[in-house]
Amino acid sequence: METQKLLVRTQQLSTSSTVERKKHLQKIKIIENIYFQGPKTNTDICEQFGISSPTSIRLLNQLIDEGWIKKEGQGKSAGGRKPDLYRLKEDSFYVMGIQLERARIKMAIFDNHNNKIAEFEDLFELESEDGLVDQIYSKANELLKSSKINLEKLLGIGVSMPGLVSSQQGKNFTYFIKEEESESLEVILKRKFDKPVFILNDAKSACLAELNFGLASKKQDVLVISMDWGIGLGIIIDGKVYQGSSGFAGEFGHIPLVDDGLLCHCGKRGCLETMASGLALTRMAQEGIKAGESTSLSSLSKKEIEALQPRTIIEAANIGDQFSINILSKLGINLGKGLAILIQIFNPELIILEGRFSRAKQFITIPIQQSINTYCMAQLRERTKISLSNLCEDSVLLGAVATVMENIFGNQISLITKN
């Protein structure tokens, strides 16, 4: 089976009949539904798309013959024989997710069940001005070769990155990429890979993953807080990720909360990110160690202290280091103040905390909740649940994968309906 049989082009549609185009559209919608929502029965498909049972069975059988789905297991019965479940067949297609951070690159190839089949991680200087696109392409190409997948089955590549990212324009307006001067990063990567490429902000990527695969699934109004070196915000309103007019909505970490505060890398002073982020945590830890605070972190070498990572501080807190617990508490209180503002603006049903800080568990959630209790109106905070993400550290990569699939399916549906 080749993916081209599913992903049609304009010239193919020009020679197709109305009946053939309608049938192809129905197949695309069925595969999309099963991919994002899981195995379905024939009755589920009929109800979802308003088609008759014979039509649904005929389409499902054709998808089985074409190698896209298979019949496996049985659904719940309201009485009588249990209905067959239809799910995607293994090895149907693959998607690559690339996660760019300020000092690290992470990438993985996922199959059509979102199982990670190959991954790679290395140091990476996002603020470098030379050869970034070539580096990304080279590392991704190595991973694709080592995975030994059929490249014809690679549907596309999703790239998540920090900064002001316009998914619509395919550009990052924060991090300078020299090769991007005349054309967008997305266009350059599409040309290099000869595959569809979609870029998005890392916080929105995590938000998209939570909406499709995590705790935000089937919920309407949710905020997703990405806690890493920076602080990111993904906003779900009426069950959809909110982008804003330019695609920049959610720059939560760069709201100034302190007059004449510390200088933020965005150029302003007193941003929340200077008080409640991985950068803030490591700074507080380094200052405390130099001031002679009693902590297990003092046993680190000078070089290790200079290159201190948030995860090292979180690990120390989890084994009882009181100094690390205290600075995590300060950070959580500062973040909670910011979240209290968001709760009063958005009135969310759920706030999901994701990213490396989720490893701190109660050492971050308790001070956040205490701060929200102090600074937020009771009628609003009592209707908002705070939860740690259950997607571990793959949320951003899964969001990159989800944006590929949303765009692939959406573009196909749009192409068919317009022709």
Protein backbone atom coordinates (compact mmCIF):
# COMPACT_ATOMS: atom_id res chain seq x y z
CA MET A 1 0.00 0.00 0.00
CA GLU A 2 1.28 3.49 -0.87
CA THR A 3 0.17 6.67 0.87
CA GLN A 4 -0.41 8.32 -2.51
CA LYS A 5 -3.58 6.24 -2.85
CA LEU A 6 -5.01 8.17 0.06
CA LEU A 7 -3.48 11.60 -0.56
CA VAL A 8 -4.81 12.72 -3.91
CA ARG A 9 -3.63 15.72 -5.93
CA THR A 10 -5.57 18.29 -7.93
CA GLN A 11 -4.78 16.65 -11.28
CA GLN A 12 -6.13 13.32 -10.05
CA LEU A 13 -9.39 14.95 -8.98
CA SER A 14 -9.84 16.57 -12.39
CA THR A 15 -10.33 13.11 -13.92
CA SER A 16 -12.49 11.75 -11.09
CA SER A 17 -16.26 11.57 -11.12
CA THR A 18 -18.42 13.22 -8.47
CA VAL A 19 -19.17 9.77 -7.00
CA GLU A 20 -15.46 8.91 -6.78
CA ARG A 21 -14.62 12.22 -5.10
CA LYS A 22 -17.43 11.77 -2.58
CA LYS A 23 -16.28 8.24 -1.77
CA HIS A 24 -12.68 9.42 -1.30
CA LEU A 25 -13.84 12.24 0.98
CA GLN A 26 -15.76 9.78 3.15
CA LYS A 27 -12.72 7.52 3.42
CA ILE A 28 -10.49 10.43 4.47
CA LYS A 29 -12.98 11.42 7.18
CA ILE A 30 -13.23 7.85 8.47
CA ILE A 31 -9.44 7.48 8.73
CA GLU A 32 -9.16 10.89 10.40
CA ASN A 33 -11.84 9.95 12.91
CA ILE A 34 -10.22 6.64 13.79
CA TYR A 35 -6.75 8.23 14.03
CA PHE A 36 -7.76 10.97 16.47
CA GLN A 37 -10.55 9.23 18.38
CA GLY A 38 -9.59 5.56 18.31
CA PRO A 39 -11.30 2.37 17.08
CA LYS A 40 -14.90 2.68 15.87
CA THR A 41 -17.80 0.38 15.15
CA ASN A 42 -19.88 0.54 11.98
CA THR A 43 -22.66 2.17 14.03
CA ASP A 44 -20.22 4.83 15.27
CA ILE A 45 -19.26 5.66 11.68
CA CYS A 46 -22.90 5.83 10.58
CA GLU A 47 -23.83 8.19 13.40
CA GLN A 48 -20.72 10.34 13.02
CA PHE A 49 -21.10 10.97 9.30
CA GLY A 50 -24.83 10.48 8.75
CA ILE A 51 -24.47 7.61 6.28
CA SER A 52 -26.35 4.34 5.99
CA SER A 53 -25.03 1.08 7.39
CA PRO A 54 -24.55 -0.54 3.94
CA THR A 55 -22.60 2.52 2.73
CA SER A 56 -20.42 2.52 5.86
CA ILE A 57 -19.72 -1.23 5.59
CA ARG A 58 -18.81 -0.83 1.92
CA LEU A 59 -16.36 2.00 2.69
CA LEU A 60 -14.84 0.12 5.63
CA ASN A 61 -14.34 -3.01 3.51
CA GLN A 62 -12.66 -0.96 0.80
CA LEU A 63 -10.32 0.59 3.38
CA ILE A 64 -9.51 -2.91 4.63
CA ASP A 65 -8.73 -4.06 1.06
CA GLU A 66 -6.52 -1.00 0.54
CA GLY A 67 -4.60 -1.82 3.71
CA TRP A 68 -5.53 1.22 5.79
CA ILE A 69 -7.68 -0.34 8.50
CA LYS A 70 -8.40 -3.74 9.97
CA LYS A 71 -11.14 -5.42 11.93
CA GLU A 72 -9.93 -6.20 15.45
CA GLY A 73 -11.81 -6.62 18.73
CA GLN A 74 -15.40 -5.88 19.57
CA GLY A 75 -17.24 -2.87 20.94
CA LYS A 76 -19.89 -2.66 23.64
CA SER A 77 -23.29 -4.08 22.92
CA ALA A 78 -26.64 -2.67 23.93
CA GLY A 79 -27.99 -6.18 23.66
CA GLY A 80 -27.27 -9.04 21.30
CA ARG A 81 -24.05 -9.63 19.38
CA LYS A 82 -21.12 -7.30 20.10
CA PRO A 83 -20.19 -5.14 17.08
CA ASP A 84 -16.81 -5.38 15.35
CA LEU A 85 -14.26 -2.65 15.98
CA TYR A 86 -12.31 -1.08 13.14
CA ARG A 87 -8.87 0.37 13.81
CA LEU A 88 -5.92 1.58 11.77
CA LYS A 89 -3.68 -1.16 10.45
CA GLU A 90 -0.09 -1.16 11.71
CA ASP A 91 2.56 0.32 9.42
CA SER A 92 -0.03 2.36 7.47
CA PHE A 93 1.86 5.65 7.73
CA TYR A 94 4.45 7.56 9.75
CA VAL A 95 4.97 11.14 10.92
CA MET A 96 8.14 12.83 12.16
CA GLY A 97 8.07 15.31 15.02
CA ILE A 98 10.96 17.74 15.57
CA GLN A 99 11.22 19.69 18.83
CA LEU A 100 13.64 22.62 18.79
CA GLU A 101 14.65 24.18 22.09
CA ARG A 102 17.09 26.94 22.93
CA ALA A 103 19.92 24.47 23.55
CA ARG A 104 18.58 21.09 22.43
CA ILE A 105 17.02 19.32 19.50
CA LYS A 106 14.76 16.31 19.93
CA MET A 107 13.09 14.35 17.17
CA ALA A 108 11.14 11.14 16.80
CA ILE A 109 9.28 9.11 14.23
CA PHE A 110 5.79 7.96 15.22
CA ASP A 111 3.66 5.31 13.56
CA ASN A 112 -0.08 5.65 12.90
CA HIS A 113 -0.84 4.53 16.47
CA ASN A 114 1.48 7.25 17.85
CA ASN A 115 4.02 4.67 18.96
CA LYS A 116 7.55 6.07 18.91
CA ILE A 117 9.64 3.85 16.65
CA ALA A 118 12.86 5.90 16.47
CA GLU A 119 14.18 8.95 18.31
CA PHE A 120 17.20 11.23 18.55
CA GLU A 121 18.32 13.95 20.94
CA ASP A 122 21.35 16.24 20.92
CA LEU A 123 22.64 19.68 21.86
CA PHE A 124 21.55 22.46 19.53
CA GLU A 125 22.08 26.22 19.53
CA LEU A 126 18.83 27.79 18.33
CA GLU A 127 20.27 31.30 18.62
CA SER A 128 23.14 30.49 16.26
CA GLU A 129 22.96 32.33 12.94
CA ASP A 130 24.68 29.81 10.69
CA GLY A 131 23.61 26.51 9.16
CA LEU A 132 20.60 25.80 11.38
CA VAL A 133 18.39 24.50 8.58
CA ASP A 134 21.17 22.24 7.30
CA GLN A 135 21.70 20.90 10.82
CA ILE A 136 18.01 20.12 11.24
CA TYR A 137 17.84 18.41 7.86
CA SER A 138 21.02 16.40 8.41
CA LYS A 139 19.99 15.09 11.83
CA ALA A 140 16.45 14.28 10.65
CA ASN A 141 17.75 12.53 7.56
CA GLU A 142 20.05 10.36 9.68
CA LEU A 143 17.13 9.36 11.89
CA LEU A 144 14.95 8.52 8.89
CA LYS A 145 17.68 6.32 7.42
CA SER A 146 18.36 4.54 10.71
CA SER A 147 14.63 3.88 11.25
CA LYS A 148 14.48 1.95 7.95
CA ILE A 149 10.86 2.98 7.38
CA ASN A 150 9.43 3.18 3.88
CA LEU A 151 9.78 6.90 3.12
CA GLU A 152 6.74 6.70 0.84
CA LYS A 153 4.73 6.18 4.04
CA LEU A 154 6.09 9.31 5.74
CA LEU A 155 3.13 11.70 5.54
CA GLY A 156 4.88 14.79 6.82
CA ILE A 157 7.05 16.53 9.39
CA GLY A 158 5.97 18.77 12.27
CA VAL A 159 8.45 21.25 13.77
CA SER A 160 7.80 22.89 17.15
CA MET A 161 9.95 25.75 18.42
CA PRO A 162 9.88 28.55 21.00
CA GLY A 163 9.26 32.16 20.08
CA LEU A 164 6.72 34.10 18.06
CA VAL A 165 5.77 31.50 15.48
CA SER A 166 3.23 32.11 12.74
CA SER A 167 2.03 28.70 11.56
CA GLN A 168 0.11 30.40 8.76
CA GLN A 169 3.25 32.07 7.37
CA GLY A 170 5.59 29.24 8.37
CA LYS A 171 7.95 31.67 10.10
CA ASN A 172 9.53 32.22 13.50
CA PHE A 173 9.79 35.95 14.26
CA THR A 174 11.88 35.56 17.42
CA TYR A 175 14.82 33.38 16.50
CA PHE A 176 16.87 34.57 13.57
CA ILE A 177 17.48 31.91 10.97
CA LYS A 178 19.82 33.21 8.32
CA GLU A 179 18.54 30.95 5.56
CA GLU A 180 15.03 32.30 6.18
CA GLU A 181 15.71 35.85 4.98
CA SER A 182 14.15 35.42 1.54
CA GLU A 183 11.66 32.63 2.24
CA SER A 184 10.07 30.96 5.25
CA LEU A 185 11.62 28.19 7.28
CA GLU A 186 8.65 26.00 6.39
CA VAL A 187 9.19 26.45 2.64
CA ILE A 188 12.91 25.68 2.93
CA LEU A 189 12.30 22.50 4.91
CA LYS A 190 9.57 21.38 2.52
CA ARG A 191 12.00 21.71 -0.35
CA LYS A 192 14.78 19.84 1.45
CA PHE A 193 12.63 16.97 2.66
CA ASP A 194 10.28 16.89 -0.34
CA LYS A 195 7.49 16.30 2.19
CA PRO A 196 4.79 18.45 3.78
CA VAL A 197 6.26 20.43 6.71
CA PHE A 198 4.33 22.42 9.32
CA ILE A 199 5.82 24.59 12.08
CA LEU A 200 4.22 25.82 15.28
CA ASN A 201 5.06 27.33 18.65
CA ASP A 202 6.13 24.77 21.28
CA ALA A 203 3.46 25.77 23.83
CA LYS A 204 0.73 25.50 21.20
CA SER A 205 2.19 22.14 20.21
CA ALA A 206 1.84 20.87 23.77
CA CYS A 207 -1.68 22.30 23.86
CA LEU A 208 -2.61 20.49 20.65
CA ALA A 209 -1.29 17.22 22.08
CA GLU A 210 -3.36 17.65 25.24
CA LEU A 211 -6.46 18.38 23.16
CA ASN A 212 -6.07 15.33 20.94
CA PHE A 213 -4.36 12.77 23.16
CA GLY A 214 -4.33 14.06 26.74
CA LEU A 215 -6.41 15.45 29.58
CA ALA A 216 -8.03 18.18 27.45
CA SER A 217 -9.67 15.64 25.14
CA LYS A 218 -13.43 16.35 24.80
CA LYS A 219 -13.14 19.45 27.02
CA GLN A 220 -14.12 22.94 25.92
CA ASP A 221 -12.19 25.55 27.90
CA VAL A 222 -8.70 24.59 29.01
CA LEU A 223 -5.36 26.32 29.59
CA VAL A 224 -2.12 24.38 29.07
CA ILE A 225 0.92 25.80 30.86
CA SER A 226 4.29 24.67 29.49
CA MET A 227 6.92 24.88 32.23
CA ASP A 228 10.45 24.59 30.91
CA TRP A 229 13.27 27.08 30.42
CA GLY A 230 10.50 29.52 29.61
CA ILE A 231 6.79 29.69 30.41
CA GLY A 232 4.35 29.02 27.59
CA LEU A 233 0.57 29.08 27.35
CA GLY A 234 -1.78 27.15 25.11
CA ILE A 235 -5.42 28.25 25.09
CA ILE A 236 -8.37 26.01 24.24
CA ILE A 237 -11.67 27.84 23.73
CA ASP A 238 -14.83 26.00 22.67
CA GLY A 239 -12.78 22.85 22.08
CA LYS A 240 -10.29 24.50 19.69
CA VAL A 241 -6.76 25.83 20.11
CA TYR A 242 -6.91 29.62 20.04
CA GLN A 243 -4.26 31.22 17.82
CA GLY A 244 -4.97 34.95 17.86
CA SER A 245 -5.05 37.24 14.82
CA SER A 246 -1.34 36.78 14.06
CA GLY A 247 -0.96 33.33 15.59
CA PHE A 248 0.94 34.72 18.59
CA ALA A 249 -1.68 34.27 21.35
CA GLY A 250 -0.37 32.87 24.62
CA GLU A 251 2.82 34.85 25.33
CA PHE A 252 2.04 34.47 29.02
CA GLY A 253 5.67 34.40 30.18
CA HIS A 254 6.34 37.89 28.81
CA ILE A 255 3.69 39.74 30.77
CA PRO A 256 5.55 42.18 33.10
CA LEU A 257 4.39 41.61 36.67
CA VAL A 258 7.12 43.47 38.58
CA ASP A 259 8.10 47.13 38.14
CA ASP A 260 11.85 47.56 37.50
CA GLY A 261 12.34 43.80 37.72
CA LEU A 262 15.06 41.71 36.13
CA LEU A 263 15.76 42.13 32.43
CA CYS A 264 14.05 39.44 30.36
CA HIS A 265 15.58 38.12 27.13
CA CYS A 266 12.55 39.63 25.32
CA GLY A 267 13.91 43.09 26.20
CA LYS A 268 11.38 44.06 28.91
CA ARG A 269 11.87 44.05 32.68
CA GLY A 270 9.94 42.13 35.31
CA CYS A 271 8.35 39.51 33.01
CA LEU A 272 6.81 36.47 34.67
CA GLU A 273 9.49 34.38 32.95
CA THR A 274 12.18 36.10 35.06
CA MET A 275 10.36 34.89 38.19
CA ALA A 276 8.74 31.54 37.32
CA SER A 277 10.67 29.56 34.70
CA GLY A 278 13.58 27.18 34.32
CA LEU A 279 15.83 30.19 33.79
CA ALA A 280 14.56 31.71 37.04
CA LEU A 281 14.95 28.44 38.94
CA THR A 282 18.56 27.89 37.90
CA ARG A 283 19.42 31.54 38.63
CA MET A 284 17.94 31.28 42.15
CA ALA A 285 19.81 28.02 42.74
CA GLN A 286 23.13 29.42 41.52
CA GLU A 287 22.73 32.55 43.65
CA GLY A 288 21.90 30.45 46.72
CA ILE A 289 24.87 28.14 46.23
CA LYS A 290 27.24 31.12 45.86
CA ALA A 291 25.73 32.69 49.00
CA GLY A 292 26.58 29.53 50.98
CA GLU A 293 23.08 28.06 51.39
CA SER A 294 22.99 24.55 52.81
CA THR A 295 22.12 22.27 49.89
CA SER A 296 23.24 19.04 48.28
CA LEU A 297 23.73 21.07 45.09
CA SER A 298 26.87 22.57 46.68
CA SER A 299 28.67 19.29 45.98
CA LEU A 300 28.50 19.98 42.25
CA SER A 301 31.64 21.17 40.51
CA LYS A 302 32.00 24.81 39.45
CA LYS A 303 31.44 23.78 35.83
CA GLU A 304 28.31 21.80 36.74
CA ILE A 305 26.90 24.73 38.72
CA GLU A 306 27.48 27.09 35.79
CA ALA A 307 25.65 24.64 33.50
CA LEU A 308 22.94 23.80 36.06
CA GLN A 309 19.74 22.34 34.64
CA PRO A 310 16.22 22.62 36.15
CA ARG A 311 15.93 18.82 36.25
CA THR A 312 18.94 18.62 38.63
CA ILE A 313 17.22 20.98 41.09
CA ILE A 314 13.92 19.09 40.77
CA GLU A 315 15.69 15.78 41.40
CA ALA A 316 17.31 17.26 44.52
CA ALA A 317 13.90 18.42 45.77
CA ASN A 318 12.42 14.97 45.19
CA ILE A 319 15.05 13.39 47.45
CA GLY A 320 14.43 15.94 50.23
CA ASP A 321 16.83 18.84 49.60
CA GLN A 322 15.10 21.66 51.51
CA PHE A 323 16.84 24.47 49.62
CA SER A 324 15.59 23.09 46.28
CA ILE A 325 12.10 22.61 47.73
CA ASN A 326 12.09 26.23 48.96
CA ILE A 327 13.08 27.80 45.63
CA LEU A 328 10.57 25.62 43.79
CA SER A 329 7.96 26.90 46.23
CA LYS A 330 8.91 30.53 45.49
CA LEU A 331 8.68 29.83 41.78
CA GLY A 332 5.28 28.13 42.22
CA ILE A 333 3.90 31.10 44.17
CA ASN A 334 5.01 33.49 41.41
CA LEU A 335 3.49 31.28 38.73
CA GLY A 336 0.29 30.96 40.76
CA LYS A 337 -0.11 34.75 40.74
CA GLY A 338 0.01 34.71 36.97
CA LEU A 339 -2.42 31.80 36.78
CA ALA A 340 -4.86 33.63 39.06
CA ILE A 341 -5.02 36.38 36.44
CA LEU A 342 -5.61 33.85 33.65
CA ILE A 343 -8.38 32.12 35.61
CA GLN A 344 -10.22 35.42 36.07
CA ILE A 345 -9.87 36.24 32.38
CA PHE A 346 -10.66 32.86 30.81
CA ASN A 347 -12.67 31.02 33.49
CA PRO A 348 -11.25 27.61 32.39
CA GLU A 349 -12.60 24.28 33.56
CA LEU A 350 -9.08 22.83 33.64
CA ILE A 351 -5.46 24.00 33.77
CA ILE A 352 -2.89 21.42 32.68
CA LEU A 353 0.70 21.82 33.85
CA GLU A 354 3.13 20.18 31.45
CA GLY A 355 6.87 20.16 30.75
CA ARG A 356 9.91 19.29 32.82
CA PHE A 357 8.53 21.00 35.93
CA SER A 358 5.77 18.42 36.14
CA ARG A 359 8.44 16.11 37.62
CA ALA A 360 8.44 18.35 40.69
CA LYS A 361 4.87 17.17 41.42
CA GLN A 362 3.61 18.43 44.79
CA PHE A 363 6.62 20.75 45.21
CA ILE A 364 5.26 22.88 42.38
CA THR A 365 1.51 22.16 42.45
CA ILE A 366 0.95 22.95 46.14
CA PRO A 367 2.52 26.46 46.08
CA ILE A 368 0.71 27.17 42.78
CA GLN A 369 -2.62 26.23 44.35
CA GLN A 370 -1.86 28.24 47.51
CA SER A 371 -1.07 31.28 45.39
CA ILE A 372 -4.24 30.87 43.32
CA ASN A 373 -6.24 30.59 46.57
CA THR A 374 -4.73 33.89 47.69
CA TYR A 375 -5.01 35.93 44.49
CA CYS A 376 -8.04 34.54 42.66
CA MET A 377 -11.76 35.05 43.31
CA ALA A 378 -13.24 32.02 45.06
CA GLN A 379 -16.17 31.66 42.65
CA LEU A 380 -13.71 31.21 39.76
CA ARG A 381 -10.91 29.19 41.35
CA GLU A 382 -13.36 26.66 42.80
CA ARG A 383 -14.54 25.84 39.27
CA THR A 384 -11.02 25.31 37.90
CA LYS A 385 -9.16 22.05 38.29
CA ILE A 386 -5.32 22.00 38.23
CA SER A 387 -3.75 18.79 36.86
CA LEU A 388 -0.34 17.54 35.80
CA SER A 389 -0.12 16.30 32.21
CA ASN A 390 -0.18 12.54 31.67
CA LEU A 391 1.74 12.75 28.36
CA CYS A 392 5.18 12.79 30.05
CA GLU A 393 7.89 14.55 28.03
CA ASP A 394 6.52 13.68 24.60
CA SER A 395 3.70 16.23 24.60
CA VAL A 396 5.47 18.75 22.36
CA LEU A 397 6.51 16.06 19.87
CA LEU A 398 3.00 14.60 19.85
CA GLY A 399 1.63 18.07 19.20
CA ALA A 400 3.96 18.43 16.23
CA VAL A 401 2.63 15.10 14.94
CA ALA A 402 -0.97 16.19 15.54
CA THR A 403 -0.49 19.40 13.56
CA VAL A 404 0.82 17.37 10.61
CA MET A 405 -2.21 15.09 10.70
CA GLU A 406 -4.70 17.94 11.14
CA ASN A 407 -3.22 19.78 8.19
CA ILE A 408 -2.91 16.66 6.00
CA PHE A 409 -6.53 15.67 6.58
CA GLY A 410 -7.78 19.25 6.44
CA ASN A 411 -5.97 19.99 3.19
CA GLN A 412 -7.29 16.81 1.60
CA ILE A 413 -10.87 17.55 2.64
CA SER A 414 -10.56 21.14 1.39
CA LEU A 415 -9.03 20.00 -1.91
CA ILE A 416 -11.77 17.46 -2.58
CA THR A 417 -14.68 19.73 -1.63
CA LYS A 418 -13.39 22.59 -3.80
CA ASN A 419 -13.06 20.44 -6.93
